[in-house]
Amino acid sequence: VQLQASGGGLVQTGGSLRLSCTASGGTFSSYAMGWFRQAPGAEREFVAAITWSSGKTYYADSVEDRFTISKANAKTTAYLQMNSLKPEDTAVYYCAAARMTGIVVPSTDYTSWGQGTQVTVSS
């Protein structure tokens, strides 16, 4: 599976961005998709995940109620809508795919990764 992430940028505190992750090269009904982020000097951390077949979602506590993960089956694209952004959301955001049917949280379970897109939230 190949993943192409896009949609990052610079936004002020309280603003919104939508990230996209377009997938190709696989049968996505048996995959889970996830978003991770990595700030400078920090480890990569889980943000959100979705199952491709049922659309079940799961979020990190730090983003729940502000971020929404979704998918468009026909476009084989996953999205991360980010609202009420904070400076601490500043990071490189990565999308990832795991050949599993349930929610996947550990980054080590993901086998395909996009190239990352920078999100910068100014105060």
PDB file of N, CA and C in Angstrom:
ATOM      1  N   VAL A   1       0.848  -1.198   0.000  1.00  0.00           N
ATOM      2  CA  VAL A   1       0.000   0.000   0.000  1.00  0.00           C
ATOM      3  C   VAL A   1       0.879   1.242   0.000  1.00  0.00           C
ATOM      4  N   GLN A   2       0.549   2.180  -0.872  1.00  0.00           N
ATOM      5  CA  GLN A   2       1.274   3.454  -0.913  1.00  0.00           C
ATOM      6  C   GLN A   2       0.344   4.553  -0.406  1.00  0.00           C
ATOM      7  N   LEU A   3       0.896   5.441   0.392  1.00  0.00           N
ATOM      8  CA  LEU A   3       0.113   6.502   1.007  1.00  0.00           C
ATOM      9  C   LEU A   3       0.692   7.863   0.645  1.00  0.00           C
ATOM     10  N   GLN A   4      -0.191   8.804   0.357  1.00  0.00           N
ATOM     11  CA  GLN A   4       0.208  10.168   0.030  1.00  0.00           C
ATOM     12  C   GLN A   4      -0.581  11.115   0.918  1.00  0.00           C
ATOM     13  N   ALA A   5       0.134  11.787   1.819  1.00  0.00           N
ATOM     14  CA  ALA A   5      -0.498  12.726   2.745  1.00  0.00           C
ATOM     15  C   ALA A   5      -0.373  14.152   2.233  1.00  0.00           C
ATOM     16  N   SER A   6      -1.384  14.958   2.551  1.00  0.00           N
ATOM     17  CA  SER A   6      -1.353  16.366   2.145  1.00  0.00           C
ATOM     18  C   SER A   6      -2.252  17.174   3.059  1.00  0.00           C
ATOM     19  N   GLY A   7      -2.174  18.503   2.949  1.00  0.00           N
ATOM     20  CA  GLY A   7      -3.098  19.357   3.656  1.00  0.00           C
ATOM     21  C   GLY A   7      -2.517  20.128   4.820  1.00  0.00           C
ATOM     22  N   GLY A   8      -1.262  19.928   5.136  1.00  0.00           N
ATOM     23  CA  GLY A   8      -0.674  20.666   6.234  1.00  0.00           C
ATOM     24  C   GLY A   8      -0.490  22.128   5.887  1.00  0.00           C
ATOM     25  N   GLY A   9      -0.085  22.911   6.896  1.00  0.00           N
ATOM     26  CA  GLY A   9       0.141  24.320   6.665  1.00  0.00           C
ATOM     27  C   GLY A   9       0.304  25.075   7.964  1.00  0.00           C
ATOM     28  N   LEU A  10       0.259  26.395   7.849  1.00  0.00           N
ATOM     29  CA  LEU A  10       0.381  27.288   8.996  1.00  0.00           C
ATOM     30  C   LEU A  10      -0.981  27.869   9.319  1.00  0.00           C
ATOM     31  N   VAL A  11      -1.360  27.805  10.577  1.00  0.00           N
ATOM     32  CA  VAL A  11      -2.663  28.296  11.001  1.00  0.00           C
ATOM     33  C   VAL A  11      -2.519  28.927  12.387  1.00  0.00           C
ATOM     34  N   GLN A  12      -3.400  29.860  12.694  1.00  0.00           N
ATOM     35  CA  GLN A  12      -3.370  30.488  14.006  1.00  0.00           C
ATOM     36  C   GLN A  12      -4.093  29.623  15.034  1.00  0.00           C
ATOM     37  N   THR A  13      -3.800  29.874  16.286  1.00  0.00           N
ATOM     38  CA  THR A  13      -4.487  29.180  17.373  1.00  0.00           C
ATOM     39  C   THR A  13      -5.994  29.328  17.213  1.00  0.00           C
ATOM     40  N   GLY A  14      -6.692  28.210  17.350  1.00  0.00           N
ATOM     41  CA  GLY A  14      -8.137  28.205  17.189  1.00  0.00           C
ATOM     42  C   GLY A  14      -8.604  27.911  15.782  1.00  0.00           C
ATOM     43  N   GLY A  15      -7.677  27.872  14.849  1.00  0.00           N
ATOM     44  CA  GLY A  15      -8.022  27.621  13.464  1.00  0.00           C
ATOM     45  C   GLY A  15      -8.220  26.151  13.150  1.00  0.00           C
ATOM     46  N   SER A  16      -8.455  25.861  11.870  1.00  0.00           N
ATOM     47  CA  SER A  16      -8.733  24.501  11.424  1.00  0.00           C
ATOM     48  C   SER A  16      -7.898  24.145  10.207  1.00  0.00           C
ATOM     49  N   LEU A  17      -7.639  22.867  10.069  1.00  0.00           N
ATOM     50  CA  LEU A  17      -6.999  22.310   8.889  1.00  0.00           C
ATOM     51  C   LEU A  17      -7.586  20.933   8.641  1.00  0.00           C
ATOM     52  N   ARG A  18      -7.569  20.509   7.380  1.00  0.00           N
ATOM     53  CA  ARG A  18      -7.964  19.146   7.068  1.00  0.00           C
ATOM     54  C   ARG A  18      -6.838  18.456   6.323  1.00  0.00           C
ATOM     55  N   LEU A  19      -6.371  17.374   6.884  1.00  0.00           N
ATOM     56  CA  LEU A  19      -5.346  16.559   6.255  1.00  0.00           C
ATOM     57  C   LEU A  19      -6.010  15.442   5.450  1.00  0.00           C
ATOM     58  N   SER A  20      -5.367  15.089   4.351  1.00  0.00           N
ATOM     59  CA  SER A  20      -5.853  13.990   3.512  1.00  0.00           C
ATOM     60  C   SER A  20      -4.764  12.949   3.350  1.00  0.00           C
ATOM     61  N   CYS A  21      -5.179  11.705   3.217  1.00  0.00           N
ATOM     62  CA  CYS A  21      -4.242  10.607   2.990  1.00  0.00           C
ATOM     63  C   CYS A  21      -4.861   9.702   1.933  1.00  0.00           C
ATOM     64  N   THR A  22      -4.291   9.722   0.760  1.00  0.00           N
ATOM     65  CA  THR A  22      -4.806   8.919  -0.342  1.00  0.00           C
ATOM     66  C   THR A  22      -3.995   7.640  -0.459  1.00  0.00           C
ATOM     67  N   ALA A  23      -4.711   6.517  -0.490  1.00  0.00           N
ATOM     68  CA  ALA A  23      -4.063   5.215  -0.508  1.00  0.00           C
ATOM     69  C   ALA A  23      -4.240   4.541  -1.865  1.00  0.00           C
ATOM     70  N   SER A  24      -3.260   3.738  -2.231  1.00  0.00           N
ATOM     71  CA  SER A  24      -3.347   2.980  -3.473  1.00  0.00           C
ATOM     72  C   SER A  24      -2.592   1.671  -3.312  1.00  0.00           C
ATOM     73  N   GLY A  25      -2.958   0.703  -4.154  1.00  0.00           N
ATOM     74  CA  GLY A  25      -2.202  -0.539  -4.175  1.00  0.00           C
ATOM     75  C   GLY A  25      -2.655  -1.608  -3.207  1.00  0.00           C
ATOM     76  N   GLY A  26      -3.887  -1.528  -2.689  1.00  0.00           N
ATOM     77  CA  GLY A  26      -4.339  -2.547  -1.759  1.00  0.00           C
ATOM     78  C   GLY A  26      -5.848  -2.688  -1.747  1.00  0.00           C
ATOM     79  N   THR A  27      -6.330  -3.709  -1.051  1.00  0.00           N
ATOM     80  CA  THR A  27      -7.761  -3.923  -0.848  1.00  0.00           C
ATOM     81  C   THR A  27      -8.102  -3.387   0.527  1.00  0.00           C
ATOM     82  N   PHE A  28      -8.644  -2.206   0.568  1.00  0.00           N
ATOM     83  CA  PHE A  28      -8.686  -1.458   1.807  1.00  0.00           C
ATOM     84  C   PHE A  28      -9.751  -1.913   2.782  1.00  0.00           C
ATOM     85  N   SER A  29     -10.653  -2.785   2.367  1.00  0.00           N
ATOM     86  CA  SER A  29     -11.679  -3.261   3.290  1.00  0.00           C
ATOM     87  C   SER A  29     -11.076  -4.028   4.451  1.00  0.00           C
ATOM     88  N   SER A  30      -9.848  -4.508   4.311  1.00  0.00           N
ATOM     89  CA  SER A  30      -9.208  -5.264   5.378  1.00  0.00           C
ATOM     90  C   SER A  30      -8.114  -4.455   6.078  1.00  0.00           C
ATOM     91  N   TYR A  31      -8.157  -3.155   5.956  1.00  0.00           N
ATOM     92  CA  TYR A  31      -7.129  -2.297   6.534  1.00  0.00           C
ATOM     93  C   TYR A  31      -7.704  -1.386   7.617  1.00  0.00           C
ATOM     94  N   ALA A  32      -6.808  -0.957   8.481  1.00  0.00           N
ATOM     95  CA  ALA A  32      -7.071   0.139   9.403  1.00  0.00           C
ATOM     96  C   ALA A  32      -6.140   1.282   9.015  1.00  0.00           C
ATOM     97  N   MET A  33      -6.627   2.502   9.185  1.00  0.00           N
ATOM     98  CA  MET A  33      -5.824   3.681   8.871  1.00  0.00           C
ATOM     99  C   MET A  33      -5.604   4.478  10.154  1.00  0.00           C
ATOM    100  N   GLY A  34      -4.470   5.116  10.237  1.00  0.00           N
ATOM    101  CA  GLY A  34      -4.189   5.907  11.420  1.00  0.00           C
ATOM    102  C   GLY A  34      -3.451   7.182  11.078  1.00  0.00           C
ATOM    103  N   TRP A  35      -3.534   8.125  11.992  1.00  0.00           N
ATOM    104  CA  TRP A  35      -2.744   9.354  11.918  1.00  0.00           C
ATOM    105  C   TRP A  35      -1.856   9.428  13.153  1.00  0.00           C
ATOM    106  N   PHE A  36      -0.621   9.800  12.925  1.00  0.00           N
ATOM    107  CA  PHE A  36       0.352  10.003  13.989  1.00  0.00           C
ATOM    108  C   PHE A  36       0.976  11.373  13.801  1.00  0.00           C
ATOM    109  N   ARG A  37       1.651  11.846  14.827  1.00  0.00           N
ATOM    110  CA  ARG A  37       2.371  13.107  14.696  1.00  0.00           C
ATOM    111  C   ARG A  37       3.673  13.044  15.483  1.00  0.00           C
ATOM    112  N   GLN A  38       4.613  13.868  15.033  1.00  0.00           N
ATOM    113  CA  GLN A  38       5.909  13.921  15.702  1.00  0.00           C
ATOM    114  C   GLN A  38       6.381  15.359  15.752  1.00  0.00           C
ATOM    115  N   ALA A  39       6.486  15.862  16.969  1.00  0.00           N
ATOM    116  CA  ALA A  39       7.001  17.219  17.183  1.00  0.00           C
ATOM    117  C   ALA A  39       8.526  17.156  17.297  1.00  0.00           C
ATOM    118  N   PRO A  40       9.205  18.269  17.075  1.00  0.00           N
ATOM    119  CA  PRO A  40      10.674  18.284  17.170  1.00  0.00           C
ATOM    120  C   PRO A  40      11.146  17.802  18.539  1.00  0.00           C
ATOM    121  N   GLY A  41      12.067  16.853  18.538  1.00  0.00           N
ATOM    122  CA  GLY A  41      12.624  16.339  19.775  1.00  0.00           C
ATOM    123  C   GLY A  41      11.730  15.381  20.529  1.00  0.00           C
ATOM    124  N   ALA A  42      10.579  15.043  19.972  1.00  0.00           N
ATOM    125  CA  ALA A  42       9.635  14.155  20.654  1.00  0.00           C
ATOM    126  C   ALA A  42       9.461  12.866  19.871  1.00  0.00           C
ATOM    127  N   GLU A  43       8.904  11.872  20.539  1.00  0.00           N
ATOM    128  CA  GLU A  43       8.612  10.621  19.859  1.00  0.00           C
ATOM    129  C   GLU A  43       7.331  10.754  19.041  1.00  0.00           C
ATOM    130  N   ARG A  44       7.202   9.887  18.054  1.00  0.00           N
ATOM    131  CA  ARG A  44       5.972   9.860  17.265  1.00  0.00           C
ATOM    132  C   ARG A  44       4.845   9.381  18.160  1.00  0.00           C
ATOM    133  N   GLU A  45       3.702  10.071  18.088  1.00  0.00           N
ATOM    134  CA  GLU A  45       2.583   9.701  18.945  1.00  0.00           C
ATOM    135  C   GLU A  45       1.316   9.477  18.136  1.00  0.00           C
ATOM    136  N   PHE A  46       0.497   8.598  18.644  1.00  0.00           N
ATOM    137  CA  PHE A  46      -0.786   8.262  18.038  1.00  0.00           C
ATOM    138  C   PHE A  46      -1.740   9.449  18.151  1.00  0.00           C
ATOM    139  N   VAL A  47      -2.496   9.684  17.092  1.00  0.00           N
ATOM    140  CA  VAL A  47      -3.501  10.749  17.084  1.00  0.00           C
ATOM    141  C   VAL A  47      -4.907  10.173  16.950  1.00  0.00           C
ATOM    142  N   ALA A  48      -5.122   9.386  15.893  1.00  0.00           N
ATOM    143  CA  ALA A  48      -6.457   8.860  15.634  1.00  0.00           C
ATOM    144  C   ALA A  48      -6.360   7.667  14.702  1.00  0.00           C
ATOM    145  N   ALA A  49      -7.391   6.820  14.740  1.00  0.00           N
ATOM    146  CA  ALA A  49      -7.435   5.649  13.863  1.00  0.00           C
ATOM    147  C   ALA A  49      -8.852   5.376  13.430  1.00  0.00           C
ATOM    148  N   ILE A  50      -8.985   4.702  12.287  1.00  0.00           N
ATOM    149  CA  ILE A  50     -10.297   4.337  11.759  1.00  0.00           C
ATOM    150  C   ILE A  50     -10.179   2.987  11.069  1.00  0.00           C
ATOM    151  N   THR A  51     -11.237   2.179  11.191  1.00  0.00           N
ATOM    152  CA  THR A  51     -11.268   0.919  10.454  1.00  0.00           C
ATOM    153  C   THR A  51     -11.915   1.177   9.100  1.00  0.00           C
ATOM    154  N   TRP A  52     -11.291   0.639   8.056  1.00  0.00           N
ATOM    155  CA  TRP A  52     -11.806   0.941   6.712  1.00  0.00           C
ATOM    156  C   TRP A  52     -13.158   0.302   6.458  1.00  0.00           C
ATOM    157  N   SER A  53     -13.398  -0.879   7.027  1.00  0.00           N
ATOM    158  CA  SER A  53     -14.635  -1.608   6.720  1.00  0.00           C
ATOM    159  C   SER A  53     -15.845  -1.015   7.439  1.00  0.00           C
ATOM    160  N   SER A  54     -15.712  -0.726   8.738  1.00  0.00           N
ATOM    161  CA  SER A  54     -16.877  -0.292   9.517  1.00  0.00           C
ATOM    162  C   SER A  54     -16.872   1.190   9.851  1.00  0.00           C
ATOM    163  N   GLY A  55     -15.726   1.844   9.710  1.00  0.00           N
ATOM    164  CA  GLY A  55     -15.649   3.258  10.049  1.00  0.00           C
ATOM    165  C   GLY A  55     -15.559   3.529  11.539  1.00  0.00           C
ATOM    166  N   LYS A  56     -15.266   2.510  12.318  1.00  0.00           N
ATOM    167  CA  LYS A  56     -15.089   2.711  13.758  1.00  0.00           C
ATOM    168  C   LYS A  56     -13.870   3.601  13.983  1.00  0.00           C
ATOM    169  N   THR A  57     -13.968   4.525  14.963  1.00  0.00           N
ATOM    170  CA  THR A  57     -12.885   5.474  15.189  1.00  0.00           C
ATOM    171  C   THR A  57     -12.393   5.433  16.629  1.00  0.00           C
ATOM    172  N   TYR A  58     -11.187   5.949  16.802  1.00  0.00           N
ATOM    173  CA  TYR A  58     -10.584   6.020  18.136  1.00  0.00           C
ATOM    174  C   TYR A  58      -9.603   7.178  18.137  1.00  0.00           C
ATOM    175  N   TYR A  59      -9.542   7.912  19.271  1.00  0.00           N
ATOM    176  CA  TYR A  59      -8.726   9.116  19.340  1.00  0.00           C
ATOM    177  C   TYR A  59      -7.837   9.131  20.572  1.00  0.00           C
ATOM    178  N   ALA A  60      -6.722   9.811  20.439  1.00  0.00           N
ATOM    179  CA  ALA A  60      -5.921  10.118  21.618  1.00  0.00           C
ATOM    180  C   ALA A  60      -6.689  11.126  22.461  1.00  0.00           C
ATOM    181  N   ASP A  61      -6.503  11.064  23.768  1.00  0.00           N
ATOM    182  CA  ASP A  61      -7.216  11.980  24.667  1.00  0.00           C
ATOM    183  C   ASP A  61      -6.946  13.436  24.322  1.00  0.00           C
ATOM    184  N   SER A  62      -5.736  13.719  23.870  1.00  0.00           N
ATOM    185  CA  SER A  62      -5.334  15.106  23.628  1.00  0.00           C
ATOM    186  C   SER A  62      -6.063  15.750  22.452  1.00  0.00           C
ATOM    187  N   VAL A  63      -6.669  14.942  21.595  1.00  0.00           N
ATOM    188  CA  VAL A  63      -7.331  15.506  20.411  1.00  0.00           C
ATOM    189  C   VAL A  63      -8.821  15.195  20.341  1.00  0.00           C
ATOM    190  N   GLU A  64      -9.296  14.325  21.221  1.00  0.00           N
ATOM    191  CA  GLU A  64     -10.716  13.972  21.186  1.00  0.00           C
ATOM    192  C   GLU A  64     -11.566  15.218  21.364  1.00  0.00           C
ATOM    193  N   ASP A  65     -12.636  15.317  20.635  1.00  0.00           N
ATOM    194  CA  ASP A  65     -13.559  16.457  20.624  1.00  0.00           C
ATOM    195  C   ASP A  65     -13.047  17.625  19.787  1.00  0.00           C
ATOM    196  N   ARG A  66     -11.813  17.553  19.293  1.00  0.00           N
ATOM    197  CA  ARG A  66     -11.301  18.599  18.409  1.00  0.00           C
ATOM    198  C   ARG A  66     -10.987  18.065  17.019  1.00  0.00           C
ATOM    199  N   PHE A  67     -10.530  16.818  16.945  1.00  0.00           N
ATOM    200  CA  PHE A  67     -10.160  16.213  15.676  1.00  0.00           C
ATOM    201  C   PHE A  67     -11.188  15.159  15.286  1.00  0.00           C
ATOM    202  N   THR A  68     -11.375  14.983  13.989  1.00  0.00           N
ATOM    203  CA  THR A  68     -12.267  13.953  13.484  1.00  0.00           C
ATOM    204  C   THR A  68     -11.590  13.212  12.342  1.00  0.00           C
ATOM    205  N   ILE A  69     -11.507  11.901  12.468  1.00  0.00           N
ATOM    206  CA  ILE A  69     -10.971  11.065  11.402  1.00  0.00           C
ATOM    207  C   ILE A  69     -12.141  10.483  10.627  1.00  0.00           C
ATOM    208  N   SER A  70     -12.006  10.463   9.309  1.00  0.00           N
ATOM    209  CA  SER A  70     -13.077   9.931   8.462  1.00  0.00           C
ATOM    210  C   SER A  70     -12.447   9.332   7.212  1.00  0.00           C
ATOM    211  N   LYS A  71     -13.302   8.754   6.364  1.00  0.00           N
ATOM    212  CA  LYS A  71     -12.806   8.125   5.142  1.00  0.00           C
ATOM    213  C   LYS A  71     -13.809   8.297   4.036  1.00  0.00           C
ATOM    214  N   ALA A  72     -13.310   8.229   2.831  1.00  0.00           N
ATOM    215  CA  ALA A  72     -14.157   8.239   1.641  1.00  0.00           C
ATOM    216  C   ALA A  72     -13.793   7.004   0.842  1.00  0.00           C
ATOM    217  N   ASN A  73     -14.638   5.997   0.922  1.00  0.00           N
ATOM    218  CA  ASN A  73     -14.300   4.705   0.323  1.00  0.00           C
ATOM    219  C   ASN A  73     -14.007   4.812  -1.170  1.00  0.00           C
ATOM    220  N   ALA A  74     -14.845   5.549  -1.881  1.00  0.00           N
ATOM    221  CA  ALA A  74     -14.689   5.634  -3.334  1.00  0.00           C
ATOM    222  C   ALA A  74     -13.358   6.260  -3.723  1.00  0.00           C
ATOM    223  N   LYS A  75     -12.859   7.133  -2.874  1.00  0.00           N
ATOM    224  CA  LYS A  75     -11.597   7.816  -3.172  1.00  0.00           C
ATOM    225  C   LYS A  75     -10.407   7.151  -2.494  1.00  0.00           C
ATOM    226  N   THR A  76     -10.653   6.091  -1.717  1.00  0.00           N
ATOM    227  CA  THR A  76      -9.621   5.442  -0.890  1.00  0.00           C
ATOM    228  C   THR A  76      -8.784   6.502  -0.176  1.00  0.00           C
ATOM    229  N   THR A  77      -9.476   7.445   0.427  1.00  0.00           N
ATOM    230  CA  THR A  77      -8.823   8.560   1.105  1.00  0.00           C
ATOM    231  C   THR A  77      -9.328   8.653   2.538  1.00  0.00           C
ATOM    232  N   ALA A  78      -8.395   8.855   3.451  1.00  0.00           N
ATOM    233  CA  ALA A  78      -8.731   9.113   4.843  1.00  0.00           C
ATOM    234  C   ALA A  78      -8.442  10.578   5.140  1.00  0.00           C
ATOM    235  N   TYR A  79      -9.231  11.137   6.034  1.00  0.00           N
ATOM    236  CA  TYR A  79      -9.095  12.544   6.375  1.00  0.00           C
ATOM    237  C   TYR A  79      -8.891  12.712   7.876  1.00  0.00           C
ATOM    238  N   LEU A  80      -8.264  13.812   8.228  1.00  0.00           N
ATOM    239  CA  LEU A  80      -8.183  14.216   9.624  1.00  0.00           C
ATOM    240  C   LEU A  80      -8.579  15.692   9.683  1.00  0.00           C
ATOM    241  N   GLN A  81      -9.798  15.931  10.128  1.00  0.00           N
ATOM    242  CA  GLN A  81     -10.266  17.294  10.311  1.00  0.00           C
ATOM    243  C   GLN A  81      -9.815  17.765  11.684  1.00  0.00           C
ATOM    244  N   MET A  82      -9.070  18.846  11.705  1.00  0.00           N
ATOM    245  CA  MET A  82      -8.506  19.355  12.957  1.00  0.00           C
ATOM    246  C   MET A  82      -9.082  20.734  13.236  1.00  0.00           C
ATOM    247  N   ASN A  83      -9.828  20.839  14.315  1.00  0.00           N
ATOM    248  CA  ASN A  83     -10.439  22.108  14.727  1.00  0.00           C
ATOM    249  C   ASN A  83      -9.851  22.569  16.056  1.00  0.00           C
ATOM    250  N   SER A  84     -10.071  23.818  16.366  1.00  0.00           N
ATOM    251  CA  SER A  84      -9.597  24.396  17.633  1.00  0.00           C
ATOM    252  C   SER A  84      -8.132  24.078  17.860  1.00  0.00           C
ATOM    253  N   LEU A  85      -7.327  24.300  16.855  1.00  0.00           N
ATOM    254  CA  LEU A  85      -5.916  23.932  16.930  1.00  0.00           C
ATOM    255  C   LEU A  85      -5.168  24.757  17.963  1.00  0.00           C
ATOM    256  N   LYS A  86      -4.196  24.114  18.593  1.00  0.00           N
ATOM    257  CA  LYS A  86      -3.388  24.723  19.638  1.00  0.00           C
ATOM    258  C   LYS A  86      -1.917  24.672  19.228  1.00  0.00           C
ATOM    259  N   PRO A  87      -1.086  25.546  19.775  1.00  0.00           N
ATOM    260  CA  PRO A  87       0.351  25.485  19.448  1.00  0.00           C
ATOM    261  C   PRO A  87       0.960  24.110  19.707  1.00  0.00           C
ATOM    262  N   GLU A  88       0.470  23.406  20.704  1.00  0.00           N
ATOM    263  CA  GLU A  88       1.015  22.076  21.009  1.00  0.00           C
ATOM    264  C   GLU A  88       0.620  21.020  19.982  1.00  0.00           C
ATOM    265  N   ASP A  89      -0.232  21.369  19.039  1.00  0.00           N
ATOM    266  CA  ASP A  89      -0.554  20.463  17.938  1.00  0.00           C
ATOM    267  C   ASP A  89       0.483  20.560  16.819  1.00  0.00           C
ATOM    268  N   THR A  90       1.398  21.504  16.932  1.00  0.00           N
ATOM    269  CA  THR A  90       2.433  21.664  15.919  1.00  0.00           C
ATOM    270  C   THR A  90       3.296  20.417  15.831  1.00  0.00           C
ATOM    271  N   ALA A  91       3.394  19.846  14.637  1.00  0.00           N
ATOM    272  CA  ALA A  91       4.142  18.605  14.431  1.00  0.00           C
ATOM    273  C   ALA A  91       4.108  18.249  12.953  1.00  0.00           C
ATOM    274  N   VAL A  92       4.897  17.246  12.587  1.00  0.00           N
ATOM    275  CA  VAL A  92       4.742  16.602  11.291  1.00  0.00           C
ATOM    276  C   VAL A  92       3.726  15.482  11.480  1.00  0.00           C
ATOM    277  N   TYR A  93       2.708  15.485  10.653  1.00  0.00           N
ATOM    278  CA  TYR A  93       1.650  14.500  10.751  1.00  0.00           C
ATOM    279  C   TYR A  93       1.842  13.432   9.668  1.00  0.00           C
ATOM    280  N   TYR A  94       1.711  12.183  10.100  1.00  0.00           N
ATOM    281  CA  TYR A  94       1.879  11.046   9.201  1.00  0.00           C
ATOM    282  C   TYR A  94       0.609  10.207   9.174  1.00  0.00           C
ATOM    283  N   CYS A  95       0.241   9.741   7.994  1.00  0.00           N
ATOM    284  CA  CYS A  95      -0.807   8.745   7.918  1.00  0.00           C
ATOM    285  C   CYS A  95      -0.158   7.376   7.741  1.00  0.00           C
ATOM    286  N   ALA A  96      -0.869   6.346   8.169  1.00  0.00           N
ATOM    287  CA  ALA A  96      -0.327   5.003   8.137  1.00  0.00           C
ATOM    288  C   ALA A  96      -1.443   4.003   7.911  1.00  0.00           C
ATOM    289  N   ALA A  97      -1.076   2.842   7.380  1.00  0.00           N
ATOM    290  CA  ALA A  97      -2.039   1.779   7.123  1.00  0.00           C
ATOM    291  C   ALA A  97      -1.553   0.478   7.741  1.00  0.00           C
ATOM    292  N   ALA A  98      -2.489  -0.260   8.322  1.00  0.00           N
ATOM    293  CA  ALA A  98      -2.197  -1.560   8.920  1.00  0.00           C
ATOM    294  C   ALA A  98      -3.155  -2.581   8.344  1.00  0.00           C
ATOM    295  N   ARG A  99      -2.638  -3.726   7.987  1.00  0.00           N
ATOM    296  CA  ARG A  99      -3.495  -4.764   7.416  1.00  0.00           C
ATOM    297  C   ARG A  99      -4.188  -5.527   8.548  1.00  0.00           C
ATOM    298  N   MET A 100      -5.081  -4.833   9.219  1.00  0.00           N
ATOM    299  CA  MET A 100      -5.852  -5.376  10.326  1.00  0.00           C
ATOM    300  C   MET A 100      -7.264  -4.827  10.217  1.00  0.00           C
ATOM    301  N   THR A 101      -8.228  -5.546  10.730  1.00  0.00           N
ATOM    302  CA  THR A 101      -9.616  -5.119  10.576  1.00  0.00           C
ATOM    303  C   THR A 101     -10.126  -4.316  11.759  1.00  0.00           C
ATOM    304  N   GLY A 102      -9.422  -4.306  12.878  1.00  0.00           N
ATOM    305  CA  GLY A 102      -9.867  -3.546  14.035  1.00  0.00           C
ATOM    306  C   GLY A 102      -9.087  -2.246  14.170  1.00  0.00           C
ATOM    307  N   ILE A 103      -9.376  -1.522  15.239  1.00  0.00           N
ATOM    308  CA  ILE A 103      -8.652  -0.292  15.532  1.00  0.00           C
ATOM    309  C   ILE A 103      -7.198  -0.647  15.890  1.00  0.00           C
ATOM    310  N   VAL A 104      -6.277   0.099  15.350  1.00  0.00           N
ATOM    311  CA  VAL A 104      -4.860  -0.153  15.591  1.00  0.00           C
ATOM    312  C   VAL A 104      -4.235   1.099  16.186  1.00  0.00           C
ATOM    313  N   VAL A 105      -3.597   0.965  17.327  1.00  0.00           N
ATOM    314  CA  VAL A 105      -2.973   2.106  17.990  1.00  0.00           C
ATOM    315  C   VAL A 105      -1.446   2.093  17.914  1.00  0.00           C
ATOM    316  N   PRO A 106      -0.779   0.983  18.230  1.00  0.00           N
ATOM    317  CA  PRO A 106       0.690   1.014  18.239  1.00  0.00           C
ATOM    318  C   PRO A 106       1.271   1.297  16.856  1.00  0.00           C
ATOM    319  N   SER A 107       2.210   2.207  16.798  1.00  0.00           N
ATOM    320  CA  SER A 107       2.815   2.528  15.510  1.00  0.00           C
ATOM    321  C   SER A 107       3.531   1.325  14.907  1.00  0.00           C
ATOM    322  N   THR A 108       3.992   0.432  15.745  1.00  0.00           N
ATOM    323  CA  THR A 108       4.725  -0.742  15.257  1.00  0.00           C
ATOM    324  C   THR A 108       3.833  -1.719  14.505  1.00  0.00           C
ATOM    325  N   ASP A 109       2.522  -1.592  14.649  1.00  0.00           N
ATOM    326  CA  ASP A 109       1.598  -2.462  13.917  1.00  0.00           C
ATOM    327  C   ASP A 109       1.281  -1.935  12.520  1.00  0.00           C
ATOM    328  N   TYR A 110       1.677  -0.715  12.244  1.00  0.00           N
ATOM    329  CA  TYR A 110       1.436  -0.144  10.920  1.00  0.00           C
ATOM    330  C   TYR A 110       2.594  -0.480   9.990  1.00  0.00           C
ATOM    331  N   THR A 111       2.260  -0.906   8.785  1.00  0.00           N
ATOM    332  CA  THR A 111       3.286  -1.367   7.853  1.00  0.00           C
ATOM    333  C   THR A 111       3.529  -0.406   6.687  1.00  0.00           C
ATOM    334  N   SER A 112       2.605   0.517   6.475  1.00  0.00           N
ATOM    335  CA  SER A 112       2.786   1.481   5.385  1.00  0.00           C
ATOM    336  C   SER A 112       2.630   2.887   5.952  1.00  0.00           C
ATOM    337  N   TRP A 113       3.491   3.792   5.516  1.00  0.00           N
ATOM    338  CA  TRP A 113       3.497   5.156   6.037  1.00  0.00           C
ATOM    339  C   TRP A 113       3.560   6.159   4.891  1.00  0.00           C
ATOM    340  N   GLY A 114       2.839   7.256   5.062  1.00  0.00           N
ATOM    341  CA  GLY A 114       2.949   8.371   4.141  1.00  0.00           C
ATOM    342  C   GLY A 114       4.183   9.196   4.455  1.00  0.00           C
ATOM    343  N   GLN A 115       4.420  10.224   3.666  1.00  0.00           N
ATOM    344  CA  GLN A 115       5.655  10.981   3.769  1.00  0.00           C
ATOM    345  C   GLN A 115       5.631  12.057   4.841  1.00  0.00           C
ATOM    346  N   GLY A 116       4.499  12.337   5.442  1.00  0.00           N
ATOM    347  CA  GLY A 116       4.409  13.360   6.467  1.00  0.00           C
ATOM    348  C   GLY A 116       4.068  14.724   5.890  1.00  0.00           C
ATOM    349  N   THR A 117       3.278  15.466   6.647  1.00  0.00           N
ATOM    350  CA  THR A 117       2.918  16.824   6.251  1.00  0.00           C
ATOM    351  C   THR A 117       3.003  17.722   7.486  1.00  0.00           C
ATOM    352  N   GLN A 118       3.619  18.892   7.325  1.00  0.00           N
ATOM    353  CA  GLN A 118       3.879  19.771   8.462  1.00  0.00           C
ATOM    354  C   GLN A 118       2.642  20.577   8.831  1.00  0.00           C
ATOM    355  N   VAL A 119       2.318  20.578  10.112  1.00  0.00           N
ATOM    356  CA  VAL A 119       1.261  21.421  10.658  1.00  0.00           C
ATOM    357  C   VAL A 119       1.896  22.340  11.690  1.00  0.00           C
ATOM    358  N   THR A 120       1.734  23.638  11.502  1.00  0.00           N
ATOM    359  CA  THR A 120       2.285  24.617  12.424  1.00  0.00           C
ATOM    360  C   THR A 120       1.163  25.521  12.907  1.00  0.00           C
ATOM    361  N   VAL A 121       1.007  25.590  14.226  1.00  0.00           N
ATOM    362  CA  VAL A 121      -0.027  26.416  14.829  1.00  0.00           C
ATOM    363  C   VAL A 121       0.658  27.546  15.580  1.00  0.00           C
ATOM    364  N   SER A 122       0.407  28.765  15.150  1.00  0.00           N
ATOM    365  CA  SER A 122       1.036  29.923  15.769  1.00  0.00           C
ATOM    366  C   SER A 122       0.166  30.450  16.904  1.00  0.00           C
ATOM    367  N   SER A 123       0.833  30.996  17.925  1.00  0.00           N
ATOM    368  CA  SER A 123       0.103  31.511  19.093  1.00  0.00           C
ATOM    369  C   SER A 123      -0.223  32.985  18.935  1.00  0.00           C
TER     370      SER A 123
END
